[in-house]
N, C-alpha and C. Protein backbone atom coordinates (compact mmCIF):
# COMPACT_ATOMS: atom_id res chain seq x y z
N UNK A 1 123.53 79.19 54.64
CA UNK A 1 123.25 80.43 54.52
C UNK A 1 123.30 81.61 55.79
N UNK A 2 124.09 82.44 55.90
CA UNK A 2 124.22 83.25 57.20
C UNK A 2 124.16 84.74 56.93
N UNK A 3 122.80 85.20 56.71
CA UNK A 3 122.59 86.36 55.97
C UNK A 3 122.81 87.41 57.38
N UNK A 4 123.57 88.83 57.14
CA UNK A 4 123.92 89.60 58.02
C UNK A 4 123.37 90.81 57.42
N UNK A 5 122.73 91.76 58.44
CA UNK A 5 122.15 93.05 58.04
C UNK A 5 123.02 94.37 58.65
N UNK A 6 123.38 95.01 57.94
CA UNK A 6 123.97 96.22 58.44
C UNK A 6 123.71 97.56 57.96
N UNK A 7 123.85 98.69 58.56
CA UNK A 7 123.48 99.91 58.06
C UNK A 7 124.92 100.75 57.36
N UNK A 8 125.04 100.99 56.15
CA UNK A 8 126.12 101.77 55.31
C UNK A 8 125.78 102.36 54.10
N UNK A 9 126.33 103.29 53.65
CA UNK A 9 125.82 104.14 52.83
C UNK A 9 126.75 103.70 51.63
N UNK A 10 128.40 103.45 52.34
CA UNK A 10 129.29 103.21 50.95
C UNK A 10 129.14 101.68 50.83
N UNK A 11 128.84 101.40 49.58
CA UNK A 11 128.53 100.17 48.75
C UNK A 11 129.33 100.48 47.39
N UNK A 12 130.06 99.27 47.17
CA UNK A 12 130.35 99.29 45.79
C UNK A 12 129.90 99.08 44.62
N UNK A 13 130.37 99.55 43.80
CA UNK A 13 129.32 100.05 42.13
C UNK A 13 128.86 98.65 41.54
N UNK A 14 129.89 97.61 41.47
CA UNK A 14 129.52 96.63 40.86
C UNK A 14 128.67 95.50 41.90
N UNK A 15 128.06 95.92 43.53
CA UNK A 15 127.27 95.02 44.12
C UNK A 15 126.29 95.59 44.03
N UNK A 16 126.17 96.83 44.16
CA UNK A 16 125.01 97.67 43.49
C UNK A 16 123.93 97.56 41.97
N UNK A 17 125.38 97.19 41.26
CA UNK A 17 124.79 97.11 39.77
C UNK A 17 124.41 95.49 39.77
N UNK A 18 124.97 94.58 40.35
CA UNK A 18 124.42 93.21 40.59
C UNK A 18 123.04 93.24 41.14
N UNK A 19 122.75 93.73 42.06
CA UNK A 19 121.70 93.66 42.80
C UNK A 19 120.84 94.13 42.12
N UNK A 20 120.59 95.26 41.46
CA UNK A 20 119.84 96.17 40.86
C UNK A 20 119.09 95.58 39.31
N UNK A 21 120.47 94.82 38.82
CA UNK A 21 120.22 94.16 37.48
C UNK A 21 119.49 92.88 38.00
N UNK A 22 119.77 92.06 38.65
CA UNK A 22 119.07 91.01 39.25
C UNK A 22 117.84 90.81 39.40
N UNK A 23 117.10 91.92 39.62
CA UNK A 23 115.59 92.43 39.65
C UNK A 23 115.14 93.27 38.43
N UNK A 24 116.01 93.41 37.36
CA UNK A 24 115.57 94.16 36.09
C UNK A 24 115.11 95.53 36.48
N UNK A 25 115.95 95.82 37.34
CA UNK A 25 115.58 97.22 37.59
C UNK A 25 116.71 98.29 36.50
N UNK A 26 116.36 98.98 35.75
CA UNK A 26 116.58 99.59 34.55
C UNK A 26 117.95 100.61 35.36
N UNK A 27 117.87 101.24 36.43
CA UNK A 27 118.80 101.80 37.29
C UNK A 27 120.07 101.23 37.32
N UNK A 28 120.06 99.94 37.64
CA UNK A 28 121.20 98.94 37.70
C UNK A 28 122.57 99.08 36.53
N UNK A 29 121.97 100.05 35.60
CA UNK A 29 122.91 100.50 34.66
C UNK A 29 123.26 101.37 34.68
N UNK A 30 123.31 102.06 36.10
CA UNK A 30 123.75 103.38 36.45
C UNK A 30 124.35 103.25 37.93
N UNK A 31 125.26 102.39 38.04
CA UNK A 31 126.26 102.02 39.48
C UNK A 31 126.70 103.06 39.93
N UNK A 32 127.12 103.77 39.50
CA UNK A 32 127.93 105.06 40.08
C UNK A 32 126.83 106.09 40.38
N UNK A 33 125.65 106.22 39.73
CA UNK A 33 124.67 107.16 39.94
C UNK A 33 123.92 106.49 41.67
N UNK A 34 123.60 104.96 41.11
CA UNK A 34 123.36 104.52 42.81
C UNK A 34 124.24 104.54 43.69
N UNK A 35 125.49 104.55 43.44
CA UNK A 35 126.40 105.07 44.72
C UNK A 35 126.35 106.29 45.57
N UNK A 36 126.22 107.39 44.57
CA UNK A 36 125.79 108.41 44.93
C UNK A 36 124.43 108.62 45.60
N UNK A 37 123.44 108.14 45.11
CA UNK A 37 122.33 107.90 46.11
C UNK A 37 122.33 107.51 47.12
N UNK A 38 123.02 106.38 47.09
CA UNK A 38 123.38 106.00 48.56
C UNK A 38 123.77 106.86 49.40
N UNK A 39 125.08 107.04 49.21
CA UNK A 39 125.84 108.37 49.98
C UNK A 39 124.70 109.57 50.49
N UNK A 40 123.75 109.95 49.36
CA UNK A 40 123.35 111.05 49.70
C UNK A 40 121.90 110.60 50.60
N UNK A 41 121.37 109.27 50.80
CA UNK A 41 120.51 108.58 51.57
C UNK A 41 120.52 109.19 52.67
N UNK A 42 119.67 109.14 53.43
CA UNK A 42 119.35 109.49 55.38
C UNK A 42 119.92 108.21 56.10
N UNK A 43 119.33 107.17 55.57
CA UNK A 43 119.95 105.82 56.17
C UNK A 43 119.83 104.82 54.97
N UNK A 44 120.89 103.71 55.10
CA UNK A 44 120.64 102.80 54.02
C UNK A 44 120.76 101.59 54.79
N UNK A 45 120.01 100.69 54.95
CA UNK A 45 119.92 99.42 55.38
C UNK A 45 120.22 98.14 54.13
N UNK A 46 121.10 97.32 54.70
CA UNK A 46 121.78 96.16 53.44
C UNK A 46 121.87 95.16 54.31
N UNK A 47 121.43 93.88 53.46
CA UNK A 47 121.28 92.41 53.74
C UNK A 47 122.61 91.80 52.77
N UNK A 48 123.57 91.10 53.46
CA UNK A 48 124.69 90.43 52.97
C UNK A 48 124.50 89.07 53.13
N UNK A 49 124.63 88.15 51.97
CA UNK A 49 125.14 86.58 52.33
C UNK A 49 126.75 86.76 52.15
N UNK A 50 127.36 86.42 52.92
CA UNK A 50 129.05 86.65 53.16
C UNK A 50 129.38 88.06 52.31
N UNK A 51 130.03 88.27 51.37
CA UNK A 51 130.17 89.35 50.98
C UNK A 51 129.40 89.86 49.66
N UNK A 52 128.03 88.95 49.21
CA UNK A 52 127.34 89.26 48.44
C UNK A 52 126.22 90.02 49.13
N UNK A 53 125.77 91.31 48.49
CA UNK A 53 124.81 92.41 48.75
C UNK A 53 123.44 91.55 48.03
N UNK A 54 122.49 91.28 48.93
CA UNK A 54 121.56 90.61 48.44
C UNK A 54 120.10 91.32 48.85
N UNK A 55 120.10 92.40 49.68
CA UNK A 55 119.13 93.24 49.70
C UNK A 55 119.58 94.88 50.19
N UNK A 56 118.73 95.41 49.97
CA UNK A 56 118.94 96.88 50.19
C UNK A 56 117.64 97.88 50.75
N UNK A 57 117.73 98.72 51.38
CA UNK A 57 116.37 99.38 51.74
C UNK A 57 116.86 101.09 52.22
N UNK A 58 116.76 101.99 51.42
CA UNK A 58 117.16 102.99 51.70
C UNK A 58 116.23 104.40 51.55
N UNK A 59 116.40 105.40 52.62
CA UNK A 59 115.52 106.23 52.89
C UNK A 59 115.70 107.72 52.80
N UNK A 60 115.03 108.57 52.64
CA UNK A 60 115.44 110.06 52.49
C UNK A 60 114.15 110.41 53.15
N UNK A 61 114.72 111.26 54.26
CA UNK A 61 113.94 111.88 55.69
C UNK A 61 114.65 113.37 55.88
N UNK A 62 113.52 114.15 56.54
CA UNK A 62 113.74 115.21 57.32
C UNK A 62 114.13 114.98 58.64
N UNK A 63 114.13 113.72 58.92
CA UNK A 63 114.59 113.45 60.53
C UNK A 63 113.59 113.85 61.31
N UNK A 64 112.25 114.73 61.14
CA UNK A 64 111.77 115.38 62.11
C UNK A 64 110.17 114.85 62.04
N UNK A 65 109.54 114.63 60.71
CA UNK A 65 108.60 114.39 59.99
C UNK A 65 108.07 113.29 59.31
N UNK A 66 109.03 113.49 58.29
CA UNK A 66 108.47 112.25 56.96
C UNK A 66 110.15 111.69 56.85
N UNK A 67 109.63 110.31 56.62
CA UNK A 67 110.55 109.56 55.73
C UNK A 67 109.63 108.77 54.63
N UNK A 68 110.87 108.74 53.53
CA UNK A 68 110.34 108.07 51.92
C UNK A 68 111.38 106.99 51.74
N UNK A 69 110.69 105.88 51.42
CA UNK A 69 111.57 104.93 51.18
C UNK A 69 111.57 104.79 49.71
N UNK A 70 112.59 104.68 49.33
CA UNK A 70 112.89 104.64 47.80
C UNK A 70 113.55 103.90 47.23
N UNK A 71 114.28 102.92 47.62
CA UNK A 71 114.48 101.45 47.02
C UNK A 71 114.35 100.38 48.04
N UNK A 72 113.73 99.13 47.54
CA UNK A 72 113.66 98.21 48.35
C UNK A 72 113.61 97.11 47.53
N UNK A 73 115.08 96.50 47.74
CA UNK A 73 115.73 95.53 46.20
C UNK A 73 115.97 94.16 47.21
N UNK A 74 115.89 93.23 46.82
CA UNK A 74 115.67 91.62 47.55
C UNK A 74 116.17 90.86 46.31
N UNK A 75 117.71 90.47 46.13
CA UNK A 75 117.77 89.57 45.21
C UNK A 75 116.80 88.32 45.11
N UNK A 76 116.41 88.00 43.65
CA UNK A 76 115.22 87.11 43.51
C UNK A 76 115.70 85.60 44.15
N UNK A 77 117.04 85.37 44.29
CA UNK A 77 117.19 84.27 45.06
C UNK A 77 116.87 83.95 46.26
N UNK A 78 116.89 85.27 47.19
CA UNK A 78 116.23 85.44 48.60
C UNK A 78 114.86 85.97 49.00
N UNK A 79 114.31 86.09 47.81
CA UNK A 79 112.91 86.63 48.28
C UNK A 79 111.95 85.66 48.78
N UNK A 80 111.21 85.87 49.53
CA UNK A 80 110.09 85.51 49.86
C UNK A 80 110.98 84.45 51.53
N UNK A 81 111.85 85.06 52.15
CA UNK A 81 112.54 84.39 53.17
C UNK A 81 112.84 85.17 54.38
N UNK A 82 112.30 86.38 54.14
CA UNK A 82 112.30 87.60 55.55
C UNK A 82 113.22 88.24 55.24
N UNK A 83 114.01 88.46 54.20
CA UNK A 83 115.30 89.59 53.65
C UNK A 83 114.36 90.79 53.83
N UNK A 84 113.33 91.08 52.79
CA UNK A 84 112.42 92.32 52.82
C UNK A 84 111.78 93.02 54.10
N UNK A 85 111.23 91.76 54.81
CA UNK A 85 110.82 92.01 55.98
C UNK A 85 111.69 92.91 57.37
N UNK A 86 112.70 92.00 57.18
CA UNK A 86 113.78 92.34 58.37
C UNK A 86 114.47 93.82 58.00
N UNK A 87 114.69 94.16 56.49
CA UNK A 87 114.99 95.47 56.08
C UNK A 87 114.01 96.60 56.39
N UNK A 88 112.86 95.80 56.40
CA UNK A 88 111.91 97.31 56.62
C UNK A 88 111.57 97.68 58.26
N UNK A 89 111.69 96.45 58.71
CA UNK A 89 111.50 96.31 60.20
C UNK A 89 112.62 97.02 60.71
N UNK A 90 113.86 97.20 60.27
CA UNK A 90 115.08 97.80 61.09
C UNK A 90 114.72 99.48 60.81
N UNK A 91 114.36 99.44 59.37
CA UNK A 91 114.01 101.04 59.30
C UNK A 91 112.61 101.83 59.76
N UNK A 92 111.80 100.75 59.94
CA UNK A 92 110.80 101.63 60.83
C UNK A 92 110.57 101.58 61.95
N UNK A 93 111.68 100.75 62.55
CA UNK A 93 111.93 101.01 64.07
C UNK A 93 112.94 102.17 64.12
N UNK A 94 113.64 102.87 63.05
CA UNK A 94 114.28 103.61 63.38
C UNK A 94 113.61 104.76 63.04
N UNK A 95 112.60 105.02 62.04
CA UNK A 95 111.92 105.68 61.92
C UNK A 95 110.55 105.87 62.43
N UNK A 96 110.07 105.17 64.01
CA UNK A 96 109.08 105.23 64.61
C UNK A 96 108.34 106.37 65.01
N UNK A 97 109.51 107.24 65.34
CA UNK A 97 109.11 108.45 66.00
C UNK A 97 108.23 109.87 64.96
N UNK A 98 108.63 109.62 63.53
CA UNK A 98 108.35 109.93 62.46
C UNK A 98 106.71 110.10 62.35
N UNK A 99 106.15 110.85 61.87
CA UNK A 99 104.73 110.91 61.57
C UNK A 99 104.18 110.15 60.45
N UNK A 100 105.09 110.37 59.36
CA UNK A 100 104.91 109.75 57.93
C UNK A 100 105.88 109.29 57.42
N UNK A 101 105.49 107.83 56.96
CA UNK A 101 106.66 107.08 56.43
C UNK A 101 105.74 106.79 54.82
N UNK A 102 106.46 106.80 53.86
CA UNK A 102 106.05 106.59 52.40
C UNK A 102 106.90 105.91 51.69
N UNK A 103 106.02 105.33 50.81
CA UNK A 103 106.69 104.55 49.42
C UNK A 103 106.12 104.66 48.32
N UNK A 104 106.66 104.20 47.27
CA UNK A 104 105.68 103.67 46.26
C UNK A 104 105.95 102.49 45.75
N UNK A 105 104.85 101.59 45.61
CA UNK A 105 105.12 100.15 45.72
C UNK A 105 104.32 99.73 44.30
N UNK A 106 105.05 98.49 43.41
CA UNK A 106 104.79 98.18 42.36
C UNK A 106 103.39 97.34 43.22
N UNK A 107 102.24 97.30 41.89
CA UNK A 107 101.13 96.39 42.00
C UNK A 107 101.40 94.79 42.84
N UNK A 108 102.63 94.17 42.17
CA UNK A 108 102.94 92.94 42.75
C UNK A 108 103.36 92.93 44.19
N UNK A 109 103.83 94.29 45.05
CA UNK A 109 104.36 94.15 46.71
C UNK A 109 103.70 94.86 47.19
N UNK A 110 102.38 95.55 46.86
CA UNK A 110 101.26 96.21 47.57
C UNK A 110 100.78 95.10 49.05
N UNK A 111 100.44 93.88 48.89
CA UNK A 111 100.14 92.90 49.57
C UNK A 111 101.35 92.82 50.74
N UNK A 112 102.71 92.99 50.47
CA UNK A 112 103.74 92.75 51.29
C UNK A 112 103.94 93.70 52.25
N UNK A 113 103.53 95.21 51.67
CA UNK A 113 103.87 96.62 52.00
C UNK A 113 102.62 96.55 53.33
N UNK A 114 101.35 96.07 52.89
CA UNK A 114 100.29 96.24 53.60
C UNK A 114 100.52 95.29 55.32
N UNK A 115 101.27 94.50 54.57
CA UNK A 115 101.27 93.42 55.92
C UNK A 115 102.39 94.06 57.29
N UNK A 116 103.18 94.90 56.67
CA UNK A 116 104.05 95.72 57.37
C UNK A 116 103.25 97.07 57.87
N UNK A 117 102.21 97.19 57.55
CA UNK A 117 101.38 98.25 58.22
C UNK A 117 101.22 99.71 57.03
N UNK A 118 101.66 99.30 55.97
CA UNK A 118 101.41 100.61 55.16
C UNK A 118 100.02 100.40 54.67
N UNK A 119 99.36 101.64 53.99
CA UNK A 119 98.11 101.55 53.43
C UNK A 119 97.82 102.51 52.57
N UNK A 120 97.21 102.15 51.26
CA UNK A 120 96.63 103.22 50.18
C UNK A 120 96.28 104.35 50.67
N UNK A 121 96.87 105.43 50.13
CA UNK A 121 96.86 106.89 50.20
C UNK A 121 95.65 107.53 50.60
N UNK A 122 94.55 106.94 50.52
CA UNK A 122 92.94 107.28 50.44
C UNK A 122 92.92 108.85 49.75
N UNK A 123 93.00 108.81 48.66
CA UNK A 123 92.56 109.98 47.55
C UNK A 123 93.95 110.31 47.34
N UNK A 124 94.96 109.95 47.87
CA UNK A 124 96.31 110.56 47.52
C UNK A 124 96.95 109.62 46.58
N UNK A 125 97.65 110.10 45.61
CA UNK A 125 98.13 109.36 44.45
C UNK A 125 99.85 109.72 44.39
N UNK A 126 100.38 108.48 44.09
CA UNK A 126 101.90 108.62 44.07
C UNK A 126 101.92 109.30 42.57
N UNK A 127 102.63 110.56 42.65
CA UNK A 127 102.88 110.92 41.17
C UNK A 127 104.81 110.98 40.84
N UNK A 128 105.05 110.95 39.52
CA UNK A 128 106.53 111.18 39.59
C UNK A 128 106.78 111.57 37.94
N UNK A 129 107.77 111.72 37.79
CA UNK A 129 108.51 111.86 36.61
C UNK A 129 109.70 110.85 36.27
N UNK A 130 109.89 110.27 35.44
CA UNK A 130 111.37 109.59 35.56
C UNK A 130 111.73 109.58 33.82
N UNK A 131 113.27 109.77 34.24
CA UNK A 131 113.98 109.54 32.88
C UNK A 131 114.84 108.31 32.56
N UNK A 132 114.15 107.20 33.61
CA UNK A 132 114.67 106.08 33.08
C UNK A 132 113.18 105.20 32.28
């Protein structure tokens, strides 16, 4: 296994569909929208095993004070092998000058994000509206 990492916002719809559906995320049913979302992201870091997309982390940012990490997706066959940690490390290094880095974590992923330096919002709550 030779995993490579690269930053790109141009990803084939079929690659995004395959990755997102592998983790049972409903957004995988909308690969064209995912492509547009990646193109509109501030940064997108991807992980590849050959020509197979196995991981992705995207960020939206004002470039000055804040970055929000929207999607952190690692194919189940590659989880717990350091792929997510490497994706997050690359992004955190690229945004180290910013004052706030934020994300919404599933309960099962809180420990991972805490190990990367994130902490609960201390009286702040992630809130959203979703049509998915």
